[in-house]
N, C-alpha and C. Protein backbone atom coordinates (compact mmCIF):
# COMPACT_ATOMS: atom_id res chain seq x y z
N MET A 1 -10.35 -0.16 -0.47
CA MET A 1 -9.82 0.69 -1.53
C MET A 1 -8.32 0.91 -1.36
N LEU A 2 -7.87 1.17 -0.12
CA LEU A 2 -6.45 1.40 0.11
C LEU A 2 -5.64 0.18 -0.30
N GLY A 3 -6.13 -0.99 0.03
CA GLY A 3 -5.42 -2.21 -0.34
C GLY A 3 -5.19 -2.33 -1.83
N LYS A 4 -6.21 -1.98 -2.60
CA LYS A 4 -6.09 -2.04 -4.07
C LYS A 4 -5.04 -1.05 -4.56
N LEU A 5 -5.03 0.14 -3.98
CA LEU A 5 -4.06 1.16 -4.38
C LEU A 5 -2.64 0.74 -4.02
N LEU A 6 -2.48 0.13 -2.85
CA LEU A 6 -1.15 -0.35 -2.46
C LEU A 6 -0.69 -1.48 -3.38
N LYS A 7 -1.61 -2.35 -3.73
CA LYS A 7 -1.27 -3.45 -4.64
C LYS A 7 -0.88 -2.89 -6.01
N ASN A 8 -1.64 -1.91 -6.50
CA ASN A 8 -1.31 -1.30 -7.79
C ASN A 8 0.07 -0.66 -7.75
N ALA A 9 0.41 -0.01 -6.64
CA ALA A 9 1.73 0.61 -6.50
C ALA A 9 2.83 -0.45 -6.53
N ARG A 10 2.57 -1.56 -5.85
CA ARG A 10 3.55 -2.66 -5.82
C ARG A 10 3.76 -3.23 -7.22
N ILE A 11 2.67 -3.48 -7.92
CA ILE A 11 2.75 -4.05 -9.26
C ILE A 11 3.43 -3.07 -10.21
N ALA A 12 3.09 -1.79 -10.11
CA ALA A 12 3.71 -0.77 -10.96
C ALA A 12 5.22 -0.70 -10.73
N ALA A 13 5.64 -1.03 -9.51
CA ALA A 13 7.08 -1.03 -9.19
C ALA A 13 7.74 -2.33 -9.62
N GLY A 14 6.95 -3.27 -10.16
CA GLY A 14 7.50 -4.55 -10.61
C GLY A 14 7.94 -5.43 -9.45
N MET A 15 7.24 -5.32 -8.33
CA MET A 15 7.63 -6.06 -7.13
C MET A 15 6.62 -7.16 -6.82
N THR A 16 7.13 -8.23 -6.23
CA THR A 16 6.26 -9.26 -5.66
C THR A 16 5.93 -8.83 -4.23
N GLN A 17 4.99 -9.54 -3.63
CA GLN A 17 4.71 -9.27 -2.22
C GLN A 17 5.95 -9.52 -1.37
N GLU A 18 6.71 -10.54 -1.72
CA GLU A 18 7.94 -10.84 -0.98
C GLU A 18 8.96 -9.72 -1.12
N ASP A 19 9.10 -9.18 -2.34
CA ASP A 19 10.02 -8.06 -2.56
C ASP A 19 9.64 -6.87 -1.68
N LEU A 20 8.36 -6.53 -1.69
CA LEU A 20 7.89 -5.39 -0.92
C LEU A 20 8.07 -5.63 0.57
N ALA A 21 7.73 -6.82 1.00
CA ALA A 21 7.86 -7.14 2.43
C ALA A 21 9.31 -6.99 2.88
N PHE A 22 10.23 -7.49 2.09
CA PHE A 22 11.65 -7.39 2.44
C PHE A 22 12.09 -5.93 2.49
N LYS A 23 11.72 -5.18 1.47
CA LYS A 23 12.15 -3.78 1.39
C LYS A 23 11.52 -2.92 2.48
N ALA A 24 10.28 -3.23 2.87
CA ALA A 24 9.58 -2.46 3.91
C ALA A 24 9.85 -3.00 5.31
N GLY A 25 10.48 -4.17 5.39
CA GLY A 25 10.80 -4.75 6.69
C GLY A 25 9.62 -5.35 7.42
N VAL A 26 8.72 -5.98 6.65
CA VAL A 26 7.55 -6.63 7.24
C VAL A 26 7.43 -8.04 6.68
N ASP A 27 6.50 -8.80 7.22
CA ASP A 27 6.25 -10.15 6.74
C ASP A 27 5.39 -10.10 5.48
N ARG A 28 5.60 -11.04 4.57
CA ARG A 28 4.82 -11.09 3.34
C ARG A 28 3.34 -11.24 3.62
N SER A 29 2.98 -11.99 4.66
CA SER A 29 1.57 -12.18 4.98
C SER A 29 0.91 -10.86 5.37
N TYR A 30 1.68 -9.95 5.98
CA TYR A 30 1.15 -8.63 6.33
C TYR A 30 0.83 -7.83 5.06
N VAL A 31 1.72 -7.89 4.09
CA VAL A 31 1.48 -7.22 2.81
C VAL A 31 0.21 -7.77 2.18
N SER A 32 0.06 -9.08 2.21
CA SER A 32 -1.14 -9.71 1.65
C SER A 32 -2.40 -9.23 2.36
N MET A 33 -2.36 -9.15 3.69
CA MET A 33 -3.53 -8.69 4.45
C MET A 33 -3.86 -7.23 4.13
N LEU A 34 -2.83 -6.40 3.95
CA LEU A 34 -3.07 -5.00 3.58
C LEU A 34 -3.75 -4.92 2.23
N GLU A 35 -3.24 -5.68 1.28
CA GLU A 35 -3.78 -5.64 -0.08
C GLU A 35 -5.21 -6.16 -0.16
N ARG A 36 -5.58 -7.03 0.76
CA ARG A 36 -6.94 -7.57 0.79
C ARG A 36 -7.84 -6.80 1.75
N ASN A 37 -7.33 -5.67 2.26
CA ASN A 37 -8.07 -4.82 3.19
C ASN A 37 -8.49 -5.55 4.47
N LEU A 38 -7.69 -6.52 4.88
CA LEU A 38 -7.95 -7.22 6.13
C LEU A 38 -7.26 -6.51 7.30
N LYS A 39 -6.28 -5.70 6.98
CA LYS A 39 -5.55 -4.89 7.96
C LYS A 39 -5.43 -3.48 7.39
N SER A 40 -5.29 -2.53 8.30
CA SER A 40 -5.03 -1.14 7.90
C SER A 40 -3.65 -0.77 8.41
N PRO A 41 -2.83 -0.17 7.56
CA PRO A 41 -1.48 0.19 8.01
C PRO A 41 -1.51 1.41 8.93
N THR A 42 -0.54 1.48 9.81
CA THR A 42 -0.34 2.72 10.55
C THR A 42 0.17 3.75 9.55
N LEU A 43 0.16 4.99 9.93
CA LEU A 43 0.66 6.03 9.04
C LEU A 43 2.14 5.80 8.74
N GLN A 44 2.89 5.41 9.76
CA GLN A 44 4.32 5.13 9.57
C GLN A 44 4.51 3.99 8.56
N MET A 45 3.73 2.94 8.70
CA MET A 45 3.84 1.81 7.77
C MET A 45 3.41 2.21 6.36
N PHE A 46 2.38 3.04 6.26
CA PHE A 46 1.94 3.53 4.96
C PHE A 46 3.09 4.24 4.25
N PHE A 47 3.81 5.09 4.97
CA PHE A 47 4.94 5.79 4.37
C PHE A 47 6.08 4.83 4.02
N ARG A 48 6.32 3.82 4.84
CA ARG A 48 7.36 2.83 4.52
C ARG A 48 7.03 2.09 3.24
N ILE A 49 5.78 1.73 3.07
CA ILE A 49 5.36 1.01 1.86
C ILE A 49 5.47 1.92 0.65
N CYS A 50 5.06 3.16 0.81
CA CYS A 50 5.18 4.11 -0.31
C CYS A 50 6.63 4.30 -0.71
N ARG A 51 7.51 4.45 0.28
CA ARG A 51 8.94 4.60 -0.03
C ARG A 51 9.47 3.36 -0.74
N ALA A 52 9.07 2.19 -0.26
CA ALA A 52 9.56 0.93 -0.83
C ALA A 52 9.13 0.76 -2.28
N THR A 53 7.93 1.22 -2.61
CA THR A 53 7.42 1.06 -3.97
C THR A 53 7.70 2.27 -4.86
N GLY A 54 8.11 3.38 -4.24
CA GLY A 54 8.33 4.60 -5.01
C GLY A 54 7.04 5.35 -5.29
N ALA A 55 5.96 4.95 -4.63
CA ALA A 55 4.66 5.59 -4.83
C ALA A 55 4.59 6.89 -4.03
N SER A 56 3.80 7.81 -4.52
CA SER A 56 3.58 9.08 -3.83
C SER A 56 2.46 8.92 -2.80
N PRO A 57 2.77 9.12 -1.52
CA PRO A 57 1.70 9.04 -0.50
C PRO A 57 0.58 10.04 -0.79
N THR A 58 0.95 11.22 -1.25
CA THR A 58 -0.03 12.25 -1.55
C THR A 58 -0.98 11.80 -2.64
N LYS A 59 -0.45 11.17 -3.66
CA LYS A 59 -1.27 10.69 -4.77
C LYS A 59 -2.23 9.60 -4.30
N ILE A 60 -1.75 8.69 -3.47
CA ILE A 60 -2.61 7.61 -2.98
C ILE A 60 -3.73 8.17 -2.10
N VAL A 61 -3.40 9.09 -1.20
CA VAL A 61 -4.42 9.69 -0.34
C VAL A 61 -5.42 10.47 -1.18
N SER A 62 -4.95 11.16 -2.20
CA SER A 62 -5.84 11.91 -3.08
C SER A 62 -6.81 10.96 -3.79
N GLU A 63 -6.31 9.84 -4.26
CA GLU A 63 -7.19 8.85 -4.92
C GLU A 63 -8.22 8.32 -3.94
N LEU A 64 -7.80 8.09 -2.70
CA LEU A 64 -8.75 7.62 -1.68
C LEU A 64 -9.84 8.66 -1.45
N GLU A 65 -9.42 9.91 -1.34
CA GLU A 65 -10.37 10.99 -1.09
C GLU A 65 -11.34 11.15 -2.26
N ASN A 66 -10.83 11.07 -3.48
CA ASN A 66 -11.68 11.25 -4.65
C ASN A 66 -12.67 10.10 -4.84
N ASN A 67 -12.33 8.93 -4.32
CA ASN A 67 -13.20 7.76 -4.49
C ASN A 67 -13.99 7.41 -3.24
N ALA A 68 -13.90 8.26 -2.21
CA ALA A 68 -14.63 7.99 -0.97
C ALA A 68 -16.12 8.17 -1.21
N PRO A 69 -16.92 7.29 -0.61
CA PRO A 69 -18.37 7.44 -0.77
C PRO A 69 -18.84 8.73 -0.09
N ASN A 70 -19.80 9.37 -0.69
CA ASN A 70 -20.37 10.58 -0.10
C ASN A 70 -21.29 10.21 1.05
N GLY A 71 -21.31 11.06 2.04
CA GLY A 71 -22.25 10.82 3.11
C GLY A 71 -21.59 10.78 4.39
């Protein structure tokens, strides 16, 4: 779920994976792995990606919380 939200934030910012990787200071393949939920970002990296895309970390976490499975 987080990967989808990060991808949506990137697309909403009009960025390619390469654009985001450059702005966040990571490799493009890492961005791809995050978006496909193959990797989980550290909290620091999560904030870097949010800053790079202009996304609100609070909004993304809220969406994750609201869509979390019960149980």
